[in-house]
C-alpha cells in the first residue's frame, strides 16, 4: 500500500471512525469520540501493540513518515 497523502488524511479526518495504515507500521486512527491521531504499530514479545504518537494538528505528515 502506498504512503498516505495530505489529501487522503484530510478526507479521512472528516469521515467515520477508521484505522488506515500507510504500509510502514504508521497508522492513522479516527476514533468515534476523540480527535484523530497517529499511532505506531509494533510487535513486542510476539504480541501486536499500538503506541499513540500525536494528534493530527500537532505534527505534519512528512515528519511522521520515514524517508
Protein backbone atom coordinates (compact mmCIF):
# COMPACT_ATOMS: atom_id res chain seq x y z
CA UNK A 1 0.00 0.00 0.00
CA UNK A 2 1.40 3.44 -0.86
CA UNK A 3 2.09 6.14 1.69
CA UNK A 4 -0.78 8.34 2.80
CA UNK A 5 -1.01 11.78 1.24
CA UNK A 6 -2.13 15.02 2.86
CA UNK A 7 -5.29 14.96 0.75
CA UNK A 8 -6.15 11.42 1.92
CA UNK A 9 -5.56 12.35 5.57
CA UNK A 10 -7.83 15.40 5.25
CA UNK A 11 -10.59 13.22 3.74
CA UNK A 12 -10.20 10.55 6.44
CA UNK A 13 -10.35 13.19 9.20
CA UNK A 14 -13.83 14.23 8.09
CA UNK A 15 -15.09 10.64 7.66
CA UNK A 16 -16.29 7.94 10.01
CA UNK A 17 -14.13 6.14 12.53
CA UNK A 18 -11.41 4.00 10.93
CA UNK A 19 -7.82 2.77 11.11
CA UNK A 20 -5.72 3.32 7.99
CA UNK A 21 -2.14 2.10 7.55
CA UNK A 22 0.45 3.69 5.30
CA UNK A 23 2.26 0.35 4.92
CA UNK A 24 5.22 1.23 7.18
CA UNK A 25 3.69 0.48 10.61
CA UNK A 26 2.27 4.02 10.78
CA UNK A 27 -1.47 4.10 11.48
CA UNK A 28 -3.90 6.99 11.09
CA UNK A 29 -6.70 6.40 13.60
CA UNK A 30 -10.04 8.22 13.55
CA UNK A 31 -11.79 7.24 16.81
CA UNK A 32 -15.52 7.68 17.39
CA UNK A 33 -15.30 10.19 20.25
CA UNK A 34 -11.97 11.98 20.22
CA UNK A 35 -9.63 13.66 17.76
CA UNK A 36 -7.83 11.70 15.02
CA UNK A 37 -4.27 10.70 15.85
CA UNK A 38 -1.13 8.99 14.57
CA UNK A 39 -0.16 5.63 16.04
CA UNK A 40 2.80 3.34 15.57
CA UNK A 41 2.06 -0.39 15.30
CA UNK A 42 4.75 -2.79 16.51
CA UNK A 43 5.30 -6.32 17.84
CA UNK A 44 6.76 -6.99 21.29
CA UNK A 45 7.05 -10.44 22.89
CA UNK A 46 5.04 -11.89 19.99
CA UNK A 47 2.10 -9.57 20.76
CA UNK A 48 0.85 -6.84 18.45
CA UNK A 49 0.77 -3.43 20.13
CA UNK A 50 -0.08 0.16 19.22
CA UNK A 51 1.52 3.32 20.61
CA UNK A 52 -0.21 6.67 20.09
CA UNK A 53 2.21 9.32 18.81
CA UNK A 54 0.33 12.62 18.49
CA UNK A 55 -2.92 14.28 17.50
CA UNK A 56 -3.34 15.26 13.86
CA UNK A 57 -2.77 19.00 14.26
CA UNK A 58 0.42 18.64 16.32
CA UNK A 59 2.74 17.01 13.76
CA UNK A 60 2.90 17.17 9.98
CA UNK A 61 2.52 14.09 7.79
CA UNK A 62 6.07 14.45 6.42
CA UNK A 63 7.53 14.21 9.90
CA UNK A 64 5.59 11.03 10.72
CA UNK A 65 6.50 9.10 7.56
CA UNK A 66 10.03 7.66 7.31
CA UNK A 67 12.03 8.55 4.22
